[in-house]
Amino acid sequence: MNTSYTLTAKILHWIMAALFIFVWCVGFYSDHFILSNTDTLRHTLIGLHKNIATTIIFLFCIRLFWRYTHPVPDLPHTMSPHLKKLTHFMHICLYIVLIMMPVTGCLLSWSVGYTAPVLYLFDLPTLIHTNPELKAIIKPTHIYLSWIVGIMVVGHIAAALKHHFIDKDNVFKSMMFK
């Protein structure tokens, strides 16, 4: 019985979790607490947000490859088949929104004529031209997705904590470093 994720899977999970939470907080702060579009702090934070968020695309691809080439730990036998299917479905949904966030962010950036920078090293190739009509669709999509994925991450954390403190099974420990 497989009871733990590989070291690579754990590293990717925790790096992506930290990056996502950080860029979510930076995006939230720059969008809700700095109301002036001419504020230099806002531009600096949005630049930081983009430079780090775009790395999630690359990490996501690595993680997806790793996930499908390495087995995951078995879920506890105490979980019902229905709950196991729901867990699998929610993980797929989490993967989908985690990739949609940086993709919609890039589309938003390009639609207003900006680049999509990666770690202050290079820009992703611009795939679309400035497009106000697309911006009108992508901006609210990116914002709604941010709330959806934020709620899903909180749910993911709550489920992990439930497994650890209430169910007292190995689910939480399987993603921890030993």
C-alpha atoms as a PDB file:
ATOM      1  CA  MET A   1       0.000   0.000   0.000  1.00  0.00           C
ATOM      2  CA  ASN A   2       1.412   3.369  -1.099  1.00  0.00           C
ATOM      3  CA  THR A   3       1.166   5.745   1.899  1.00  0.00           C
ATOM      4  CA  SER A   4       3.153   8.831   0.904  1.00  0.00           C
ATOM      5  CA  TYR A   5       3.740  11.149  -2.027  1.00  0.00           C
ATOM      6  CA  THR A   6       7.194  11.242  -3.593  1.00  0.00           C
ATOM      7  CA  LEU A   7       9.632  13.896  -2.426  1.00  0.00           C
ATOM      8  CA  THR A   8       9.316  15.655  -5.796  1.00  0.00           C
ATOM      9  CA  ALA A   9       5.522  15.730  -5.525  1.00  0.00           C
ATOM     10  CA  LYS A  10       5.760  17.181  -2.018  1.00  0.00           C
ATOM     11  CA  ILE A  11       8.227  19.862  -3.090  1.00  0.00           C
ATOM     12  CA  LEU A  12       6.081  20.844  -6.079  1.00  0.00           C
ATOM     13  CA  HIS A  13       2.937  20.877  -3.935  1.00  0.00           C
ATOM     14  CA  TRP A  14       4.380  23.130  -1.235  1.00  0.00           C
ATOM     15  CA  ILE A  15       6.183  25.486  -3.623  1.00  0.00           C
ATOM     16  CA  MET A  16       3.033  25.911  -5.700  1.00  0.00           C
ATOM     17  CA  ALA A  17       0.920  26.360  -2.567  1.00  0.00           C
ATOM     18  CA  ALA A  18       3.235  29.054  -1.217  1.00  0.00           C
ATOM     19  CA  LEU A  19       3.467  30.832  -4.576  1.00  0.00           C
ATOM     20  CA  PHE A  20      -0.261  30.702  -5.158  1.00  0.00           C
ATOM     21  CA  ILE A  21      -1.146  32.018  -1.718  1.00  0.00           C
ATOM     22  CA  PHE A  22       1.453  34.772  -2.057  1.00  0.00           C
ATOM     23  CA  VAL A  23       0.313  35.929  -5.521  1.00  0.00           C
ATOM     24  CA  TRP A  24      -3.331  35.685  -4.461  1.00  0.00           C
ATOM     25  CA  CYS A  25      -2.637  37.973  -1.485  1.00  0.00           C
ATOM     26  CA  VAL A  26      -0.584  40.412  -3.588  1.00  0.00           C
ATOM     27  CA  GLY A  27      -3.304  40.500  -6.249  1.00  0.00           C
ATOM     28  CA  PHE A  28      -6.023  40.994  -3.661  1.00  0.00           C
ATOM     29  CA  TYR A  29      -4.092  43.754  -1.911  1.00  0.00           C
ATOM     30  CA  SER A  30      -3.189  45.626  -5.089  1.00  0.00           C
ATOM     31  CA  ASP A  31      -6.748  45.400  -6.399  1.00  0.00           C
ATOM     32  CA  HIS A  32      -8.628  46.269  -3.196  1.00  0.00           C
ATOM     33  CA  PHE A  33      -6.367  48.490  -1.143  1.00  0.00           C
ATOM     34  CA  ILE A  34      -4.560  50.591  -3.741  1.00  0.00           C
ATOM     35  CA  LEU A  35      -7.325  52.303  -5.643  1.00  0.00           C
ATOM     36  CA  SER A  36      -5.250  54.668  -7.771  1.00  0.00           C
ATOM     37  CA  ASN A  37      -4.120  53.210 -11.089  1.00  0.00           C
ATOM     38  CA  THR A  38      -1.245  55.711 -11.105  1.00  0.00           C
ATOM     39  CA  ASP A  39       0.177  54.610  -7.744  1.00  0.00           C
ATOM     40  CA  THR A  40       3.718  53.261  -8.236  1.00  0.00           C
ATOM     41  CA  LEU A  41       3.247  50.733  -5.422  1.00  0.00           C
ATOM     42  CA  ARG A  42       0.268  49.284  -7.320  1.00  0.00           C
ATOM     43  CA  HIS A  43       2.356  48.896 -10.502  1.00  0.00           C
ATOM     44  CA  THR A  44       5.200  47.354  -8.519  1.00  0.00           C
ATOM     45  CA  LEU A  45       2.865  44.872  -6.819  1.00  0.00           C
ATOM     46  CA  ILE A  46       1.097  43.956 -10.047  1.00  0.00           C
ATOM     47  CA  GLY A  47       4.503  43.412 -11.657  1.00  0.00           C
ATOM     48  CA  LEU A  48       5.508  41.156  -8.749  1.00  0.00           C
ATOM     49  CA  HIS A  49       2.158  39.359  -8.984  1.00  0.00           C
ATOM     50  CA  LYS A  50       2.663  38.652 -12.700  1.00  0.00           C
ATOM     51  CA  ASN A  51       6.335  37.667 -12.456  1.00  0.00           C
ATOM     52  CA  ILE A  52       5.631  35.057  -9.810  1.00  0.00           C
ATOM     53  CA  ALA A  53       2.210  33.900 -11.029  1.00  0.00           C
ATOM     54  CA  THR A  54       3.516  33.029 -14.500  1.00  0.00           C
ATOM     55  CA  THR A  55       5.941  30.535 -12.941  1.00  0.00           C
ATOM     56  CA  ILE A  56       2.901  28.556 -11.835  1.00  0.00           C
ATOM     57  CA  ILE A  57       2.320  27.652 -15.506  1.00  0.00           C
ATOM     58  CA  PHE A  58       5.718  25.966 -15.697  1.00  0.00           C
ATOM     59  CA  LEU A  59       5.410  24.333 -12.284  1.00  0.00           C
ATOM     60  CA  PHE A  60       1.924  23.134 -13.181  1.00  0.00           C
ATOM     61  CA  CYS A  61       3.235  21.376 -16.297  1.00  0.00           C
ATOM     62  CA  ILE A  62       6.003  19.706 -14.294  1.00  0.00           C
ATOM     63  CA  ARG A  63       3.575  18.738 -11.560  1.00  0.00           C
ATOM     64  CA  LEU A  64       1.023  17.330 -13.985  1.00  0.00           C
ATOM     65  CA  PHE A  65       3.714  15.246 -15.697  1.00  0.00           C
ATOM     66  CA  TRP A  66       4.972  14.032 -12.325  1.00  0.00           C
ATOM     67  CA  ARG A  67       1.458  13.266 -11.110  1.00  0.00           C
ATOM     68  CA  TYR A  68       0.679  11.061 -14.084  1.00  0.00           C
ATOM     69  CA  THR A  69       4.006   9.253 -14.074  1.00  0.00           C
ATOM     70  CA  HIS A  70       4.120   8.504 -10.342  1.00  0.00           C
ATOM     71  CA  PRO A  71       1.401   6.830  -8.282  1.00  0.00           C
ATOM     72  CA  VAL A  72      -0.354   8.757  -5.551  1.00  0.00           C
ATOM     73  CA  PRO A  73      -0.987   7.309  -2.099  1.00  0.00           C
ATOM     74  CA  ASP A  74      -4.092   5.239  -1.649  1.00  0.00           C
ATOM     75  CA  LEU A  75      -6.953   6.945   0.113  1.00  0.00           C
ATOM     76  CA  PRO A  76      -7.927   5.415   3.454  1.00  0.00           C
ATOM     77  CA  HIS A  77     -10.194   2.387   3.308  1.00  0.00           C
ATOM     78  CA  THR A  78     -12.434   4.168   5.807  1.00  0.00           C
ATOM     79  CA  MET A  79     -13.514   6.605   3.084  1.00  0.00           C
ATOM     80  CA  SER A  80     -16.608   5.594   1.150  1.00  0.00           C
ATOM     81  CA  PRO A  81     -16.294   4.995  -2.603  1.00  0.00           C
ATOM     82  CA  HIS A  82     -18.521   8.053  -3.142  1.00  0.00           C
ATOM     83  CA  LEU A  83     -16.230  10.260  -1.049  1.00  0.00           C
ATOM     84  CA  LYS A  84     -13.156   8.912  -2.866  1.00  0.00           C
ATOM     85  CA  LYS A  85     -14.738   9.847  -6.210  1.00  0.00           C
ATOM     86  CA  LEU A  86     -15.649  13.296  -4.872  1.00  0.00           C
ATOM     87  CA  THR A  87     -12.073  13.765  -3.637  1.00  0.00           C
ATOM     88  CA  HIS A  88     -10.683  12.830  -7.053  1.00  0.00           C
ATOM     89  CA  PHE A  89     -13.159  15.184  -8.774  1.00  0.00           C
ATOM     90  CA  MET A  90     -12.225  18.070  -6.465  1.00  0.00           C
ATOM     91  CA  HIS A  91      -8.516  17.525  -7.135  1.00  0.00           C
ATOM     92  CA  ILE A  92      -9.200  17.692 -10.871  1.00  0.00           C
ATOM     93  CA  CYS A  93     -11.194  20.909 -10.352  1.00  0.00           C
ATOM     94  CA  LEU A  94      -8.355  22.368  -8.292  1.00  0.00           C
ATOM     95  CA  TYR A  95      -5.857  21.537 -11.048  1.00  0.00           C
ATOM     96  CA  ILE A  96      -8.131  23.141 -13.651  1.00  0.00           C
ATOM     97  CA  VAL A  97      -8.560  26.415 -11.776  1.00  0.00           C
ATOM     98  CA  LEU A  98      -4.888  26.508 -10.788  1.00  0.00           C
ATOM     99  CA  ILE A  99      -3.902  26.540 -14.461  1.00  0.00           C
ATOM    100  CA  MET A 100      -6.782  28.804 -15.518  1.00  0.00           C
ATOM    101  CA  MET A 101      -5.654  31.520 -13.076  1.00  0.00           C
ATOM    102  CA  PRO A 102      -2.261  32.254 -14.675  1.00  0.00           C
ATOM    103  CA  VAL A 103      -3.615  31.681 -18.195  1.00  0.00           C
ATOM    104  CA  THR A 104      -6.425  34.203 -17.694  1.00  0.00           C
ATOM    105  CA  GLY A 105      -3.892  36.519 -16.043  1.00  0.00           C
ATOM    106  CA  CYS A 106      -1.680  36.364 -19.133  1.00  0.00           C
ATOM    107  CA  LEU A 107      -4.674  36.938 -21.408  1.00  0.00           C
ATOM    108  CA  LEU A 108      -5.708  39.907 -19.286  1.00  0.00           C
ATOM    109  CA  SER A 109      -2.219  41.389 -19.398  1.00  0.00           C
ATOM    110  CA  TRP A 110      -1.936  40.942 -23.169  1.00  0.00           C
ATOM    111  CA  SER A 111      -5.470  42.256 -23.786  1.00  0.00           C
ATOM    112  CA  VAL A 112      -4.485  45.614 -22.272  1.00  0.00           C
ATOM    113  CA  GLY A 113      -1.153  45.768 -24.098  1.00  0.00           C
ATOM    114  CA  TYR A 114       1.211  44.567 -21.367  1.00  0.00           C
ATOM    115  CA  THR A 115       3.555  41.612 -21.287  1.00  0.00           C
ATOM    116  CA  ALA A 116       3.417  38.468 -19.180  1.00  0.00           C
ATOM    117  CA  PRO A 117       6.830  38.422 -17.467  1.00  0.00           C
ATOM    118  CA  VAL A 118       8.405  35.390 -15.799  1.00  0.00           C
ATOM    119  CA  LEU A 119      10.573  35.952 -12.709  1.00  0.00           C
ATOM    120  CA  TYR A 120      11.890  39.236 -14.149  1.00  0.00           C
ATOM    121  CA  LEU A 121      13.901  37.104 -16.602  1.00  0.00           C
ATOM    122  CA  PHE A 122      11.853  37.046 -19.801  1.00  0.00           C
ATOM    123  CA  ASP A 123       8.354  37.605 -21.143  1.00  0.00           C
ATOM    124  CA  LEU A 124       6.050  34.890 -22.362  1.00  0.00           C
ATOM    125  CA  PRO A 125       5.356  35.274 -26.076  1.00  0.00           C
ATOM    126  CA  THR A 126       2.401  37.591 -26.599  1.00  0.00           C
ATOM    127  CA  LEU A 127      -0.371  35.463 -28.068  1.00  0.00           C
ATOM    128  CA  ILE A 128      -2.983  38.173 -28.588  1.00  0.00           C
ATOM    129  CA  HIS A 129      -3.009  41.851 -29.451  1.00  0.00           C
ATOM    130  CA  THR A 130      -4.529  44.589 -27.319  1.00  0.00           C
ATOM    131  CA  ASN A 131      -8.226  43.810 -27.217  1.00  0.00           C
ATOM    132  CA  PRO A 132     -10.632  45.819 -25.014  1.00  0.00           C
ATOM    133  CA  GLU A 133     -13.518  43.461 -25.818  1.00  0.00           C
ATOM    134  CA  LEU A 134     -11.536  40.477 -24.572  1.00  0.00           C
ATOM    135  CA  LYS A 135     -10.443  42.435 -21.481  1.00  0.00           C
ATOM    136  CA  ALA A 136     -14.113  43.001 -20.636  1.00  0.00           C
ATOM    137  CA  ILE A 137     -14.553  39.209 -20.486  1.00  0.00           C
ATOM    138  CA  ILE A 138     -11.194  38.102 -19.114  1.00  0.00           C
ATOM    139  CA  LYS A 139     -10.882  40.559 -16.218  1.00  0.00           C
ATOM    140  CA  PRO A 140     -14.065  39.464 -14.418  1.00  0.00           C
ATOM    141  CA  THR A 141     -13.262  35.824 -15.273  1.00  0.00           C
ATOM    142  CA  HIS A 142      -9.836  36.162 -13.645  1.00  0.00           C
ATOM    143  CA  ILE A 143     -11.354  37.823 -10.588  1.00  0.00           C
ATOM    144  CA  TYR A 144     -14.163  35.254 -10.192  1.00  0.00           C
ATOM    145  CA  LEU A 145     -11.699  32.407 -10.662  1.00  0.00           C
ATOM    146  CA  SER A 146      -9.482  33.915  -7.972  1.00  0.00           C
ATOM    147  CA  TRP A 147     -12.366  33.722  -5.510  1.00  0.00           C
ATOM    148  CA  ILE A 148     -13.305  30.212  -6.598  1.00  0.00           C
ATOM    149  CA  VAL A 149      -9.762  28.903  -6.289  1.00  0.00           C
ATOM    150  CA  GLY A 150      -9.319  30.766  -2.994  1.00  0.00           C
ATOM    151  CA  ILE A 151     -12.387  29.011  -1.594  1.00  0.00           C
ATOM    152  CA  MET A 152     -11.181  25.690  -2.999  1.00  0.00           C
ATOM    153  CA  VAL A 153      -7.755  26.110  -1.381  1.00  0.00           C
ATOM    154  CA  VAL A 154      -9.370  26.881   1.976  1.00  0.00           C
ATOM    155  CA  GLY A 155     -11.555  23.776   1.506  1.00  0.00           C
ATOM    156  CA  HIS A 156      -8.484  21.718   0.592  1.00  0.00           C
ATOM    157  CA  ILE A 157      -6.701  22.868   3.752  1.00  0.00           C
ATOM    158  CA  ALA A 158      -9.809  22.222   5.868  1.00  0.00           C
ATOM    159  CA  ALA A 159     -10.148  18.698   4.434  1.00  0.00           C
ATOM    160  CA  ALA A 160      -6.470  17.965   5.133  1.00  0.00           C
ATOM    161  CA  LEU A 161      -6.836  19.186   8.711  1.00  0.00           C
ATOM    162  CA  LYS A 162     -10.017  17.114   9.149  1.00  0.00           C
ATOM    163  CA  HIS A 163      -8.114  14.020   8.019  1.00  0.00           C
ATOM    164  CA  HIS A 164      -5.349  14.760  10.505  1.00  0.00           C
ATOM    165  CA  PHE A 165      -7.275  15.842  13.597  1.00  0.00           C
ATOM    166  CA  ILE A 166     -10.659  14.138  13.268  1.00  0.00           C
ATOM    167  CA  ASP A 167     -10.180  11.079  11.053  1.00  0.00           C
ATOM    168  CA  LYS A 168      -6.617  10.547  12.313  1.00  0.00           C
ATOM    169  CA  ASP A 169      -5.646   8.858   9.056  1.00  0.00           C
ATOM    170  CA  ASN A 170      -2.551   9.234   6.874  1.00  0.00           C
ATOM    171  CA  VAL A 171      -3.918  11.697   4.269  1.00  0.00           C
ATOM    172  CA  PHE A 172      -2.352  14.821   5.800  1.00  0.00           C
ATOM    173  CA  LYS A 173       0.911  13.070   6.662  1.00  0.00           C
ATOM    174  CA  SER A 174       1.262  11.741   3.102  1.00  0.00           C
ATOM    175  CA  MET A 175       2.095  15.272   1.883  1.00  0.00           C
ATOM    176  CA  MET A 176       4.343  16.216   4.791  1.00  0.00           C
ATOM    177  CA  PHE A 177       8.137  15.972   4.846  1.00  0.00           C
ATOM    178  CA  LYS A 178       9.474  13.397   7.276  1.00  0.00           C
END
